[in-house]
């Protein structure tokens, strides 16, 4: 049974579309994180602490996304910025052998994400 997953991701949320036996399901996972802003302080410790907190929060977010896509037969990841590449590296690090395709995409509505995933998998 094929379970194909496409997802749009940035550092704030992931919109996951699962296509399984012709049925489609949409799930949104929010990171509950504000935009990452790097501040500098005179001693540099404030920036390091914020960067570590940001990275730890992102890792938890990526772990939640990976748990949802772990048993997919194929994964399509798209979105703006760095999150898609970071997630791909986390998937590789976890030893997941699922074929993954990556592409850049601007901000999209859930309907646009769903249409893009259907187009990709239901050719």
PDB file of N, CA and C in Angstrom:
ATOM      1  N   UNK A   1       0.847  -1.172   0.000  1.00  0.00           N
ATOM      2  CA  UNK A   1       0.000   0.000   0.000  1.00  0.00           C
ATOM      3  C   UNK A   1       0.895   1.239   0.000  1.00  0.00           C
ATOM      4  N   UNK A   2       0.710   2.087  -1.017  1.00  0.00           N
ATOM      5  CA  UNK A   2       1.519   3.296  -1.141  1.00  0.00           C
ATOM      6  C   UNK A   2       0.998   4.393  -0.223  1.00  0.00           C
ATOM      7  N   UNK A   3       1.925   5.077   0.401  1.00  0.00           N
ATOM      8  CA  UNK A   3       1.591   6.244   1.216  1.00  0.00           C
ATOM      9  C   UNK A   3       2.550   7.344   0.782  1.00  0.00           C
ATOM     10  N   UNK A   4       2.048   8.248  -0.039  1.00  0.00           N
ATOM     11  CA  UNK A   4       2.875   9.326  -0.567  1.00  0.00           C
ATOM     12  C   UNK A   4       2.562  10.605   0.194  1.00  0.00           C
ATOM     13  N   UNK A   5       3.633  11.306   0.574  1.00  0.00           N
ATOM     14  CA  UNK A   5       3.458  12.513   1.384  1.00  0.00           C
ATOM     15  C   UNK A   5       4.192  13.671   0.729  1.00  0.00           C
ATOM     16  N   UNK A   6       3.490  14.785   0.626  1.00  0.00           N
ATOM     17  CA  UNK A   6       4.087  16.033   0.182  1.00  0.00           C
ATOM     18  C   UNK A   6       3.903  17.049   1.283  1.00  0.00           C
ATOM     19  N   UNK A   7       4.910  17.875   1.487  1.00  0.00           N
ATOM     20  CA  UNK A   7       4.758  18.872   2.534  1.00  0.00           C
ATOM     21  C   UNK A   7       5.445  20.179   2.184  1.00  0.00           C
ATOM     22  N   UNK A   8       4.760  21.235   2.571  1.00  0.00           N
ATOM     23  CA  UNK A   8       5.299  22.590   2.470  1.00  0.00           C
ATOM     24  C   UNK A   8       5.784  22.920   3.875  1.00  0.00           C
ATOM     25  N   UNK A   9       7.011  23.450   3.977  1.00  0.00           N
ATOM     26  CA  UNK A   9       7.556  23.708   5.310  1.00  0.00           C
ATOM     27  C   UNK A   9       8.366  24.994   5.330  1.00  0.00           C
ATOM     28  N   UNK A  10       8.248  25.713   6.429  1.00  0.00           N
ATOM     29  CA  UNK A  10       9.175  26.787   6.773  1.00  0.00           C
ATOM     30  C   UNK A  10       9.447  26.638   8.269  1.00  0.00           C
ATOM     31  N   UNK A  11      10.108  27.592   8.882  1.00  0.00           N
ATOM     32  CA  UNK A  11      10.449  27.447  10.300  1.00  0.00           C
ATOM     33  C   UNK A  11       9.247  27.614  11.225  1.00  0.00           C
ATOM     34  N   UNK A  12       8.115  28.061  10.699  1.00  0.00           N
ATOM     35  CA  UNK A  12       6.939  28.280  11.540  1.00  0.00           C
ATOM     36  C   UNK A  12       5.917  27.155  11.489  1.00  0.00           C
ATOM     37  N   UNK A  13       5.782  26.510  10.320  1.00  0.00           N
ATOM     38  CA  UNK A  13       4.795  25.438  10.227  1.00  0.00           C
ATOM     39  C   UNK A  13       5.103  24.509   9.065  1.00  0.00           C
ATOM     40  N   UNK A  14       4.467  23.345   9.137  1.00  0.00           N
ATOM     41  CA  UNK A  14       4.521  22.364   8.047  1.00  0.00           C
ATOM     42  C   UNK A  14       3.087  21.997   7.705  1.00  0.00           C
ATOM     43  N   UNK A  15       2.786  22.028   6.412  1.00  0.00           N
ATOM     44  CA  UNK A  15       1.486  21.567   5.921  1.00  0.00           C
ATOM     45  C   UNK A  15       1.758  20.257   5.204  1.00  0.00           C
ATOM     46  N   UNK A  16       1.229  19.173   5.759  1.00  0.00           N
ATOM     47  CA  UNK A  16       1.521  17.824   5.270  1.00  0.00           C
ATOM     48  C   UNK A  16       0.289  17.253   4.582  1.00  0.00           C
ATOM     49  N   UNK A  17       0.470  16.821   3.339  1.00  0.00           N
ATOM     50  CA  UNK A  17      -0.611  16.204   2.575  1.00  0.00           C
ATOM     51  C   UNK A  17      -0.236  14.740   2.343  1.00  0.00           C
ATOM     52  N   UNK A  18      -1.091  13.853   2.806  1.00  0.00           N
ATOM     53  CA  UNK A  18      -0.878  12.419   2.649  1.00  0.00           C
ATOM     54  C   UNK A  18      -1.864  11.871   1.628  1.00  0.00           C
ATOM     55  N   UNK A  19      -1.345  11.147   0.646  1.00  0.00           N
ATOM     56  CA  UNK A  19      -2.191  10.476  -0.338  1.00  0.00           C
ATOM     57  C   UNK A  19      -1.979   8.973  -0.152  1.00  0.00           C
ATOM     58  N   UNK A  20      -3.080   8.315   0.199  1.00  0.00           N
ATOM     59  CA  UNK A  20      -3.020   6.877   0.488  1.00  0.00           C
ATOM     60  C   UNK A  20      -4.276   6.231  -0.086  1.00  0.00           C
ATOM     61  N   UNK A  21      -4.106   5.293  -0.992  1.00  0.00           N
ATOM     62  CA  UNK A  21      -5.227   4.609  -1.639  1.00  0.00           C
ATOM     63  C   UNK A  21      -6.213   5.592  -2.271  1.00  0.00           C
ATOM     64  N   UNK A  22      -5.691   6.669  -2.855  1.00  0.00           N
ATOM     65  CA  UNK A  22      -6.534   7.653  -3.521  1.00  0.00           C
ATOM     66  C   UNK A  22      -7.173   8.669  -2.595  1.00  0.00           C
ATOM     67  N   UNK A  23      -7.097   8.438  -1.284  1.00  0.00           N
ATOM     68  CA  UNK A  23      -7.646   9.389  -0.316  1.00  0.00           C
ATOM     69  C   UNK A  23      -6.577  10.400   0.063  1.00  0.00           C
ATOM     70  N   UNK A  24      -7.013  11.575   0.447  1.00  0.00           N
ATOM     71  CA  UNK A  24      -6.094  12.660   0.803  1.00  0.00           C
ATOM     72  C   UNK A  24      -6.408  13.173   2.203  1.00  0.00           C
ATOM     73  N   UNK A  25      -5.357  13.412   2.962  1.00  0.00           N
ATOM     74  CA  UNK A  25      -5.495  13.960   4.308  1.00  0.00           C
ATOM     75  C   UNK A  25      -4.510  15.116   4.447  1.00  0.00           C
ATOM     76  N   UNK A  26      -4.952  16.209   5.066  1.00  0.00           N
ATOM     77  CA  UNK A  26      -4.081  17.366   5.291  1.00  0.00           C
ATOM     78  C   UNK A  26      -3.904  17.553   6.787  1.00  0.00           C
ATOM     79  N   UNK A  27      -2.651  17.724   7.195  1.00  0.00           N
ATOM     80  CA  UNK A  27      -2.332  17.975   8.605  1.00  0.00           C
ATOM     81  C   UNK A  27      -1.381  19.156   8.681  1.00  0.00           C
ATOM     82  N   UNK A  28      -1.592  20.022   9.650  1.00  0.00           N
ATOM     83  CA  UNK A  28      -0.696  21.159   9.880  1.00  0.00           C
ATOM     84  C   UNK A  28      -0.005  20.973  11.220  1.00  0.00           C
ATOM     85  N   UNK A  29       1.312  21.129  11.208  1.00  0.00           N
ATOM     86  CA  UNK A  29       2.092  21.095  12.440  1.00  0.00           C
ATOM     87  C   UNK A  29       2.725  22.470  12.600  1.00  0.00           C
ATOM     88  N   UNK A  30       2.409  23.137  13.696  1.00  0.00           N
ATOM     89  CA  UNK A  30       2.979  24.457  13.974  1.00  0.00           C
ATOM     90  C   UNK A  30       4.190  24.321  14.877  1.00  0.00           C
ATOM     91  N   UNK A  31       5.206  25.119  14.595  1.00  0.00           N
ATOM     92  CA  UNK A  31       6.403  25.083  15.435  1.00  0.00           C
ATOM     93  C   UNK A  31       6.238  25.960  16.669  1.00  0.00           C
ATOM     94  N   UNK A  32       5.234  26.833  16.667  1.00  0.00           N
ATOM     95  CA  UNK A  32       5.016  27.787  17.767  1.00  0.00           C
ATOM     96  C   UNK A  32       6.259  28.624  18.025  1.00  0.00           C
ATOM     97  N   UNK A  33       6.893  29.008  16.948  1.00  0.00           N
ATOM     98  CA  UNK A  33       8.141  29.764  17.043  1.00  0.00           C
ATOM     99  C   UNK A  33       7.990  31.076  16.287  1.00  0.00           C
ATOM    100  N   UNK A  34       8.551  32.095  16.869  1.00  0.00           N
ATOM    101  CA  UNK A  34       8.606  33.375  16.178  1.00  0.00           C
ATOM    102  C   UNK A  34       9.761  33.346  15.199  1.00  0.00           C
ATOM    103  N   UNK A  35       9.777  34.293  14.307  1.00  0.00           N
ATOM    104  CA  UNK A  35      10.870  34.397  13.342  1.00  0.00           C
ATOM    105  C   UNK A  35      12.193  34.496  14.093  1.00  0.00           C
ATOM    106  N   UNK A  36      13.218  33.823  13.577  1.00  0.00           N
ATOM    107  CA  UNK A  36      14.536  33.828  14.213  1.00  0.00           C
ATOM    108  C   UNK A  36      15.260  35.132  13.912  1.00  0.00           C
ATOM    109  N   UNK A  37      15.521  35.877  14.951  1.00  0.00           N
ATOM    110  CA  UNK A  37      16.258  37.130  14.809  1.00  0.00           C
ATOM    111  C   UNK A  37      17.537  37.004  15.614  1.00  0.00           C
ATOM    112  N   UNK A  38      18.645  37.284  15.000  1.00  0.00           N
ATOM    113  CA  UNK A  38      19.930  37.177  15.694  1.00  0.00           C
ATOM    114  C   UNK A  38      20.315  38.537  16.265  1.00  0.00           C
ATOM    115  N   UNK A  39      20.518  38.563  17.567  1.00  0.00           N
ATOM    116  CA  UNK A  39      20.950  39.769  18.241  1.00  0.00           C
ATOM    117  C   UNK A  39      22.397  39.594  18.673  1.00  0.00           C
ATOM    118  N   UNK A  40      23.107  40.665  18.740  1.00  0.00           N
ATOM    119  CA  UNK A  40      24.467  40.582  19.259  1.00  0.00           C
ATOM    120  C   UNK A  40      24.515  41.347  20.574  1.00  0.00           C
ATOM    121  N   UNK A  41      25.271  40.807  21.496  1.00  0.00           N
ATOM    122  CA  UNK A  41      25.488  41.491  22.755  1.00  0.00           C
ATOM    123  C   UNK A  41      26.991  41.675  22.915  1.00  0.00           C
ATOM    124  N   UNK A  42      27.366  42.480  23.861  1.00  0.00           N
ATOM    125  CA  UNK A  42      28.794  42.783  24.023  1.00  0.00           C
ATOM    126  C   UNK A  42      29.616  41.539  24.340  1.00  0.00           C
ATOM    127  N   UNK A  43      29.083  40.647  25.167  1.00  0.00           N
ATOM    128  CA  UNK A  43      29.853  39.451  25.517  1.00  0.00           C
ATOM    129  C   UNK A  43      29.534  38.253  24.614  1.00  0.00           C
ATOM    130  N   UNK A  44      28.496  38.352  23.766  1.00  0.00           N
ATOM    131  CA  UNK A  44      28.177  37.293  22.817  1.00  0.00           C
ATOM    132  C   UNK A  44      27.372  36.144  23.393  1.00  0.00           C
ATOM    133  N   UNK A  45      27.239  36.081  24.721  1.00  0.00           N
ATOM    134  CA  UNK A  45      26.544  34.945  25.325  1.00  0.00           C
ATOM    135  C   UNK A  45      25.047  34.964  25.048  1.00  0.00           C
ATOM    136  N   UNK A  46      24.444  36.120  24.981  1.00  0.00           N
ATOM    137  CA  UNK A  46      23.012  36.209  24.720  1.00  0.00           C
ATOM    138  C   UNK A  46      22.659  35.618  23.373  1.00  0.00           C
ATOM    139  N   UNK A  47      23.462  35.899  22.378  1.00  0.00           N
ATOM    140  CA  UNK A  47      23.220  35.375  21.032  1.00  0.00           C
ATOM    141  C   UNK A  47      23.364  33.858  21.012  1.00  0.00           C
ATOM    142  N   UNK A  48      24.403  33.340  21.651  1.00  0.00           N
ATOM    143  CA  UNK A  48      24.607  31.892  21.679  1.00  0.00           C
ATOM    144  C   UNK A  48      23.438  31.175  22.341  1.00  0.00           C
ATOM    145  N   UNK A  49      22.936  31.726  23.437  1.00  0.00           N
ATOM    146  CA  UNK A  49      21.814  31.120  24.147  1.00  0.00           C
ATOM    147  C   UNK A  49      20.571  31.123  23.272  1.00  0.00           C
ATOM    148  N   UNK A  50      20.288  32.247  22.632  1.00  0.00           N
ATOM    149  CA  UNK A  50      19.120  32.326  21.752  1.00  0.00           C
ATOM    150  C   UNK A  50      19.250  31.378  20.565  1.00  0.00           C
ATOM    151  N   UNK A  51      20.443  31.310  19.979  1.00  0.00           N
ATOM    152  CA  UNK A  51      20.659  30.407  18.848  1.00  0.00           C
ATOM    153  C   UNK A  51      20.459  28.950  19.260  1.00  0.00           C
ATOM    154  N   UNK A  52      20.947  28.577  20.440  1.00  0.00           N
ATOM    155  CA  UNK A  52      20.784  27.214  20.946  1.00  0.00           C
ATOM    156  C   UNK A  52      19.306  26.910  21.187  1.00  0.00           C
ATOM    157  N   UNK A  53      18.581  27.856  21.779  1.00  0.00           N
ATOM    158  CA  UNK A  53      17.155  27.662  22.026  1.00  0.00           C
ATOM    159  C   UNK A  53      16.398  27.517  20.703  1.00  0.00           C
ATOM    160  N   UNK A  54      16.746  28.339  19.733  1.00  0.00           N
ATOM    161  CA  UNK A  54      16.127  28.278  18.414  1.00  0.00           C
ATOM    162  C   UNK A  54      16.379  26.911  17.778  1.00  0.00           C
ATOM    163  N   UNK A  55      17.631  26.465  17.799  1.00  0.00           N
ATOM    164  CA  UNK A  55      17.989  25.174  17.219  1.00  0.00           C
ATOM    165  C   UNK A  55      17.282  24.018  17.926  1.00  0.00           C
ATOM    166  N   UNK A  56      17.214  24.052  19.251  1.00  0.00           N
ATOM    167  CA  UNK A  56      16.532  22.996  19.998  1.00  0.00           C
ATOM    168  C   UNK A  56      15.048  22.956  19.661  1.00  0.00           C
ATOM    169  N   UNK A  57      14.436  24.131  19.559  1.00  0.00           N
ATOM    170  CA  UNK A  57      13.021  24.206  19.222  1.00  0.00           C
ATOM    171  C   UNK A  57      12.790  23.662  17.803  1.00  0.00           C
ATOM    172  N   UNK A  58      13.653  24.042  16.868  1.00  0.00           N
ATOM    173  CA  UNK A  58      13.543  23.544  15.496  1.00  0.00           C
ATOM    174  C   UNK A  58      13.691  22.026  15.452  1.00  0.00           C
ATOM    175  N   UNK A  59      14.644  21.490  16.206  1.00  0.00           N
ATOM    176  CA  UNK A  59      14.858  20.045  16.230  1.00  0.00           C
ATOM    177  C   UNK A  59      13.602  19.311  16.705  1.00  0.00           C
ATOM    178  N   UNK A  60      12.935  19.845  17.709  1.00  0.00           N
ATOM    179  CA  UNK A  60      11.687  19.234  18.190  1.00  0.00           C
ATOM    180  C   UNK A  60      10.615  19.290  17.115  1.00  0.00           C
ATOM    181  N   UNK A  61      10.532  20.418  16.423  1.00  0.00           N
ATOM    182  CA  UNK A  61       9.573  20.587  15.325  1.00  0.00           C
ATOM    183  C   UNK A  61       9.853  19.576  14.219  1.00  0.00           C
ATOM    184  N   UNK A  62      11.119  19.467  13.807  1.00  0.00           N
ATOM    185  CA  UNK A  62      11.488  18.509  12.759  1.00  0.00           C
ATOM    186  C   UNK A  62      11.213  17.068  13.194  1.00  0.00           C
ATOM    187  N   UNK A  63      11.471  16.756  14.459  1.00  0.00           N
ATOM    188  CA  UNK A  63      11.192  15.414  14.973  1.00  0.00           C
ATOM    189  C   UNK A  63       9.706  15.077  14.847  1.00  0.00           C
ATOM    190  N   UNK A  64       8.846  16.055  15.130  1.00  0.00           N
ATOM    191  CA  UNK A  64       7.404  15.831  15.026  1.00  0.00           C
ATOM    192  C   UNK A  64       7.000  15.585  13.565  1.00  0.00           C
ATOM    193  N   UNK A  65       7.577  16.354  12.646  1.00  0.00           N
ATOM    194  CA  UNK A  65       7.285  16.166  11.222  1.00  0.00           C
ATOM    195  C   UNK A  65       7.783  14.801  10.762  1.00  0.00           C
ATOM    196  N   UNK A  66       8.998  14.437  11.152  1.00  0.00           N
ATOM    197  CA  UNK A  66       9.578  13.150  10.748  1.00  0.00           C
ATOM    198  C   UNK A  66       8.746  11.983  11.287  1.00  0.00           C
ATOM    199  N   UNK A  67       8.248  12.084  12.489  1.00  0.00           N
ATOM    200  CA  UNK A  67       7.413  11.021  13.044  1.00  0.00           C
ATOM    201  C   UNK A  67       6.177  10.804  12.181  1.00  0.00           C
ATOM    202  N   UNK A  68       5.662  11.862  11.622  1.00  0.00           N
ATOM    203  CA  UNK A  68       4.466  11.765  10.796  1.00  0.00           C
ATOM    204  C   UNK A  68       4.758  11.182   9.418  1.00  0.00           C
ATOM    205  N   UNK A  69       5.950  11.441   8.869  1.00  0.00           N
ATOM    206  CA  UNK A  69       6.256  10.999   7.504  1.00  0.00           C
ATOM    207  C   UNK A  69       7.119   9.737   7.454  1.00  0.00           C
ATOM    208  N   UNK A  70       7.498   9.212   8.591  1.00  0.00           N
ATOM    209  CA  UNK A  70       8.462   8.098   8.671  1.00  0.00           C
ATOM    210  C   UNK A  70       8.096   6.894   7.805  1.00  0.00           C
ATOM    211  N   UNK A  71       6.836   6.531   7.724  1.00  0.00           N
ATOM    212  CA  UNK A  71       6.455   5.315   6.998  1.00  0.00           C
ATOM    213  C   UNK A  71       5.971   5.582   5.565  1.00  0.00           C
ATOM    214  N   UNK A  72       6.284   6.753   5.031  1.00  0.00           N
ATOM    215  CA  UNK A  72       5.884   7.085   3.664  1.00  0.00           C
ATOM    216  C   UNK A  72       6.712   6.292   2.651  1.00  0.00           C
ATOM    217  N   UNK A  73       6.104   6.016   1.499  1.00  0.00           N
ATOM    218  CA  UNK A  73       6.841   5.348   0.423  1.00  0.00           C
ATOM    219  C   UNK A  73       7.590   6.362  -0.439  1.00  0.00           C
ATOM    220  N   UNK A  74       7.153   7.620  -0.419  1.00  0.00           N
ATOM    221  CA  UNK A  74       7.802   8.694  -1.173  1.00  0.00           C
ATOM    222  C   UNK A  74       7.431  10.025  -0.531  1.00  0.00           C
ATOM    223  N   UNK A  75       8.392  10.961  -0.503  1.00  0.00           N
ATOM    224  CA  UNK A  75       8.162  12.259   0.136  1.00  0.00           C
ATOM    225  C   UNK A  75       8.598  13.380  -0.791  1.00  0.00           C
ATOM    226  N   UNK A  76       7.738  14.391  -0.898  1.00  0.00           N
ATOM    227  CA  UNK A  76       8.046  15.613  -1.628  1.00  0.00           C
ATOM    228  C   UNK A  76       8.075  16.740  -0.598  1.00  0.00           C
ATOM    229  N   UNK A  77       9.188  17.491  -0.555  1.00  0.00           N
ATOM    230  CA  UNK A  77       9.322  18.604   0.387  1.00  0.00           C
ATOM    231  C   UNK A  77       9.539  19.877  -0.415  1.00  0.00           C
ATOM    232  N   UNK A  78       8.747  20.904  -0.112  1.00  0.00           N
ATOM    233  CA  UNK A  78       8.929  22.174  -0.796  1.00  0.00           C
ATOM    234  C   UNK A  78       8.612  23.310   0.161  1.00  0.00           C
ATOM    235  N   UNK A  79       9.086  24.488  -0.181  1.00  0.00           N
ATOM    236  CA  UNK A  79       8.852  25.666   0.652  1.00  0.00           C
ATOM    237  C   UNK A  79       9.947  26.683   0.457  1.00  0.00           C
ATOM    238  N   UNK A  80       9.798  27.836   1.101  1.00  0.00           N
ATOM    239  CA  UNK A  80      10.811  28.884   1.002  1.00  0.00           C
ATOM    240  C   UNK A  80      11.923  28.658   2.024  1.00  0.00           C
ATOM    241  N   UNK A  81      13.013  29.311   1.863  1.00  0.00           N
ATOM    242  CA  UNK A  81      14.043  29.330   2.890  1.00  0.00           C
ATOM    243  C   UNK A  81      14.782  28.018   3.110  1.00  0.00           C
ATOM    244  N   UNK A  82      15.319  27.887   4.304  1.00  0.00           N
ATOM    245  CA  UNK A  82      16.237  26.806   4.635  1.00  0.00           C
ATOM    246  C   UNK A  82      15.584  25.569   5.241  1.00  0.00           C
ATOM    247  N   UNK A  83      14.358  25.663   5.685  1.00  0.00           N
ATOM    248  CA  UNK A  83      13.730  24.573   6.439  1.00  0.00           C
ATOM    249  C   UNK A  83      13.667  23.271   5.653  1.00  0.00           C
ATOM    250  N   UNK A  84      13.398  23.337   4.357  1.00  0.00           N
ATOM    251  CA  UNK A  84      13.271  22.103   3.565  1.00  0.00           C
ATOM    252  C   UNK A  84      14.590  21.339   3.512  1.00  0.00           C
ATOM    253  N   UNK A  85      15.703  22.051   3.348  1.00  0.00           N
ATOM    254  CA  UNK A  85      17.017  21.405   3.332  1.00  0.00           C
ATOM    255  C   UNK A  85      17.411  20.876   4.701  1.00  0.00           C
ATOM    256  N   UNK A  86      17.068  21.636   5.745  1.00  0.00           N
ATOM    257  CA  UNK A  86      17.357  21.188   7.109  1.00  0.00           C
ATOM    258  C   UNK A  86      16.582  19.917   7.426  1.00  0.00           C
ATOM    259  N   UNK A  87      15.314  19.871   7.002  1.00  0.00           N
ATOM    260  CA  UNK A  87      14.512  18.672   7.232  1.00  0.00           C
ATOM    261  C   UNK A  87      15.076  17.486   6.460  1.00  0.00           C
ATOM    262  N   UNK A  88      15.492  17.710   5.233  1.00  0.00           N
ATOM    263  CA  UNK A  88      16.080  16.622   4.432  1.00  0.00           C
ATOM    264  C   UNK A  88      17.303  16.045   5.141  1.00  0.00           C
ATOM    265  N   UNK A  89      18.160  16.899   5.679  1.00  0.00           N
ATOM    266  CA  UNK A  89      19.348  16.423   6.410  1.00  0.00           C
ATOM    267  C   UNK A  89      18.949  15.620   7.644  1.00  0.00           C
ATOM    268  N   UNK A  90      17.901  16.058   8.346  1.00  0.00           N
ATOM    269  CA  UNK A  90      17.436  15.329   9.529  1.00  0.00           C
ATOM    270  C   UNK A  90      16.900  13.955   9.136  1.00  0.00           C
ATOM    271  N   UNK A  91      16.202  13.876   7.993  1.00  0.00           N
ATOM    272  CA  UNK A  91      15.682  12.599   7.507  1.00  0.00           C
ATOM    273  C   UNK A  91      16.845  11.651   7.211  1.00  0.00           C
ATOM    274  N   UNK A  92      17.866  12.157   6.544  1.00  0.00           N
ATOM    275  CA  UNK A  92      19.049  11.336   6.250  1.00  0.00           C
ATOM    276  C   UNK A  92      19.731  10.893   7.537  1.00  0.00           C
ATOM    277  N   UNK A  93      19.873  11.816   8.488  1.00  0.00           N
ATOM    278  CA  UNK A  93      20.525  11.522   9.768  1.00  0.00           C
ATOM    279  C   UNK A  93      19.765  10.430  10.530  1.00  0.00           C
ATOM    280  N   UNK A  94      18.441  10.423  10.403  1.00  0.00           N
ATOM    281  CA  UNK A  94      17.611   9.415  11.075  1.00  0.00           C
ATOM    282  C   UNK A  94      17.716   8.048  10.402  1.00  0.00           C
ATOM    283  N   UNK A  95      18.349   7.997   9.226  1.00  0.00           N
ATOM    284  CA  UNK A  95      18.509   6.736   8.520  1.00  0.00           C
ATOM    285  C   UNK A  95      17.274   6.297   7.748  1.00  0.00           C
ATOM    286  N   UNK A  96      16.381   7.224   7.491  1.00  0.00           N
ATOM    287  CA  UNK A  96      15.166   6.912   6.738  1.00  0.00           C
ATOM    288  C   UNK A  96      15.528   6.846   5.259  1.00  0.00           C
ATOM    289  N   UNK A  97      15.184   5.746   4.616  1.00  0.00           N
ATOM    290  CA  UNK A  97      15.580   5.503   3.226  1.00  0.00           C
ATOM    291  C   UNK A  97      14.518   5.893   2.207  1.00  0.00           C
ATOM    292  N   UNK A  98      13.462   6.538   2.630  1.00  0.00           N
ATOM    293  CA  UNK A  98      12.386   6.957   1.737  1.00  0.00           C
ATOM    294  C   UNK A  98      12.914   7.929   0.686  1.00  0.00           C
ATOM    295  N   UNK A  99      12.558   7.732  -0.600  1.00  0.00           N
ATOM    296  CA  UNK A  99      12.969   8.700  -1.626  1.00  0.00           C
ATOM    297  C   UNK A  99      12.357  10.079  -1.335  1.00  0.00           C
ATOM    298  N   UNK A 100      13.204  11.112  -1.386  1.00  0.00           N
ATOM    299  CA  UNK A 100      12.774  12.482  -1.076  1.00  0.00           C
ATOM    300  C   UNK A 100      13.120  13.394  -2.248  1.00  0.00           C
ATOM    301  N   UNK A 101      12.160  14.206  -2.674  1.00  0.00           N
ATOM    302  CA  UNK A 101      12.432  15.248  -3.659  1.00  0.00           C
ATOM    303  C   UNK A 101      12.247  16.595  -2.976  1.00  0.00           C
ATOM    304  N   UNK A 102      13.112  17.536  -3.338  1.00  0.00           N
ATOM    305  CA  UNK A 102      13.113  18.867  -2.727  1.00  0.00           C
ATOM    306  C   UNK A 102      12.945  19.909  -3.823  1.00  0.00           C
ATOM    307  N   UNK A 103      12.132  20.931  -3.553  1.00  0.00           N
ATOM    308  CA  UNK A 103      12.053  22.049  -4.486  1.00  0.00           C
ATOM    309  C   UNK A 103      11.654  23.323  -3.746  1.00  0.00           C
ATOM    310  N   UNK A 104      12.065  24.435  -4.310  1.00  0.00           N
ATOM    311  CA  UNK A 104      11.739  25.735  -3.739  1.00  0.00           C
ATOM    312  C   UNK A 104      10.304  26.111  -4.093  1.00  0.00           C
ATOM    313  N   UNK A 105       9.633  26.771  -3.181  1.00  0.00           N
ATOM    314  CA  UNK A 105       8.272  27.257  -3.418  1.00  0.00           C
ATOM    315  C   UNK A 105       8.012  28.434  -2.489  1.00  0.00           C
ATOM    316  N   UNK A 106       7.210  29.353  -2.955  1.00  0.00           N
ATOM    317  CA  UNK A 106       6.830  30.503  -2.135  1.00  0.00           C
ATOM    318  C   UNK A 106       5.759  30.103  -1.125  1.00  0.00           C
ATOM    319  N   UNK A 107       5.314  31.076  -0.361  1.00  0.00           N
ATOM    320  CA  UNK A 107       4.232  30.859   0.583  1.00  0.00           C
ATOM    321  C   UNK A 107       3.001  30.400  -0.188  1.00  0.00           C
ATOM    322  N   UNK A 108       2.294  29.413   0.365  1.00  0.00           N
ATOM    323  CA  UNK A 108       1.135  28.832  -0.316  1.00  0.00           C
ATOM    324  C   UNK A 108       0.002  28.609   0.670  1.00  0.00           C
ATOM    325  N   UNK A 109      -1.228  28.626   0.154  1.00  0.00           N
ATOM    326  CA  UNK A 109      -2.375  28.257   0.977  1.00  0.00           C
ATOM    327  C   UNK A 109      -2.410  26.733   1.092  1.00  0.00           C
ATOM    328  N   UNK A 110      -3.196  26.230   2.034  1.00  0.00           N
ATOM    329  CA  UNK A 110      -3.315  24.771   2.181  1.00  0.00           C
ATOM    330  C   UNK A 110      -3.856  24.154   0.893  1.00  0.00           C
ATOM    331  N   UNK A 111      -4.809  24.823   0.239  1.00  0.00           N
ATOM    332  CA  UNK A 111      -5.358  24.325  -1.016  1.00  0.00           C
ATOM    333  C   UNK A 111      -4.310  24.249  -2.110  1.00  0.00           C
ATOM    334  N   UNK A 112      -3.434  25.251  -2.174  1.00  0.00           N
ATOM    335  CA  UNK A 112      -2.358  25.246  -3.166  1.00  0.00           C
ATOM    336  C   UNK A 112      -1.361  24.128  -2.881  1.00  0.00           C
ATOM    337  N   UNK A 113      -1.061  23.906  -1.605  1.00  0.00           N
ATOM    338  CA  UNK A 113      -0.149  22.825  -1.218  1.00  0.00           C
ATOM    339  C   UNK A 113      -0.753  21.487  -1.644  1.00  0.00           C
ATOM    340  N   UNK A 114      -2.018  21.292  -1.338  1.00  0.00           N
ATOM    341  CA  UNK A 114      -2.704  20.054  -1.686  1.00  0.00           C
ATOM    342  C   UNK A 114      -2.696  19.823  -3.197  1.00  0.00           C
ATOM    343  N   UNK A 115      -2.981  20.861  -3.966  1.00  0.00           N
ATOM    344  CA  UNK A 115      -2.992  20.736  -5.428  1.00  0.00           C
ATOM    345  C   UNK A 115      -1.611  20.386  -5.962  1.00  0.00           C
ATOM    346  N   UNK A 116      -0.573  20.991  -5.403  1.00  0.00           N
ATOM    347  CA  UNK A 116       0.800  20.721  -5.839  1.00  0.00           C
ATOM    348  C   UNK A 116       1.189  19.266  -5.550  1.00  0.00           C
ATOM    349  N   UNK A 117       0.804  18.767  -4.392  1.00  0.00           N
ATOM    350  CA  UNK A 117       1.119  17.387  -4.017  1.00  0.00           C
ATOM    351  C   UNK A 117       0.365  16.412  -4.927  1.00  0.00           C
ATOM    352  N   UNK A 118      -0.915  16.660  -5.157  1.00  0.00           N
ATOM    353  CA  UNK A 118      -1.697  15.802  -6.065  1.00  0.00           C
ATOM    354  C   UNK A 118      -1.080  15.783  -7.447  1.00  0.00           C
ATOM    355  N   UNK A 119      -0.685  16.957  -7.932  1.00  0.00           N
ATOM    356  CA  UNK A 119      -0.060  17.053  -9.252  1.00  0.00           C
ATOM    357  C   UNK A 119       1.212  16.221  -9.311  1.00  0.00           C
ATOM    358  N   UNK A 120       2.011  16.273  -8.249  1.00  0.00           N
ATOM    359  CA  UNK A 120       3.286  15.557  -8.191  1.00  0.00           C
ATOM    360  C   UNK A 120       3.084  14.026  -8.182  1.00  0.00           C
ATOM    361  N   UNK A 121       2.155  13.556  -7.352  1.00  0.00           N
ATOM    362  CA  UNK A 121       2.018  12.118  -7.147  1.00  0.00           C
ATOM    363  C   UNK A 121       0.984  11.444  -8.040  1.00  0.00           C
ATOM    364  N   UNK A 122       0.005  12.175  -8.503  1.00  0.00           N
ATOM    365  CA  UNK A 122      -1.071  11.548  -9.266  1.00  0.00           C
ATOM    366  C   UNK A 122      -0.944  11.837 -10.761  1.00  0.00           C
ATOM    367  N   UNK A 123       0.273  11.929 -11.247  1.00  0.00           N
ATOM    368  CA  UNK A 123       0.519  12.186 -12.666  1.00  0.00           C
ATOM    369  C   UNK A 123       0.017  11.036 -13.503  1.00  0.00           C
TER     370      UNK A 123
END
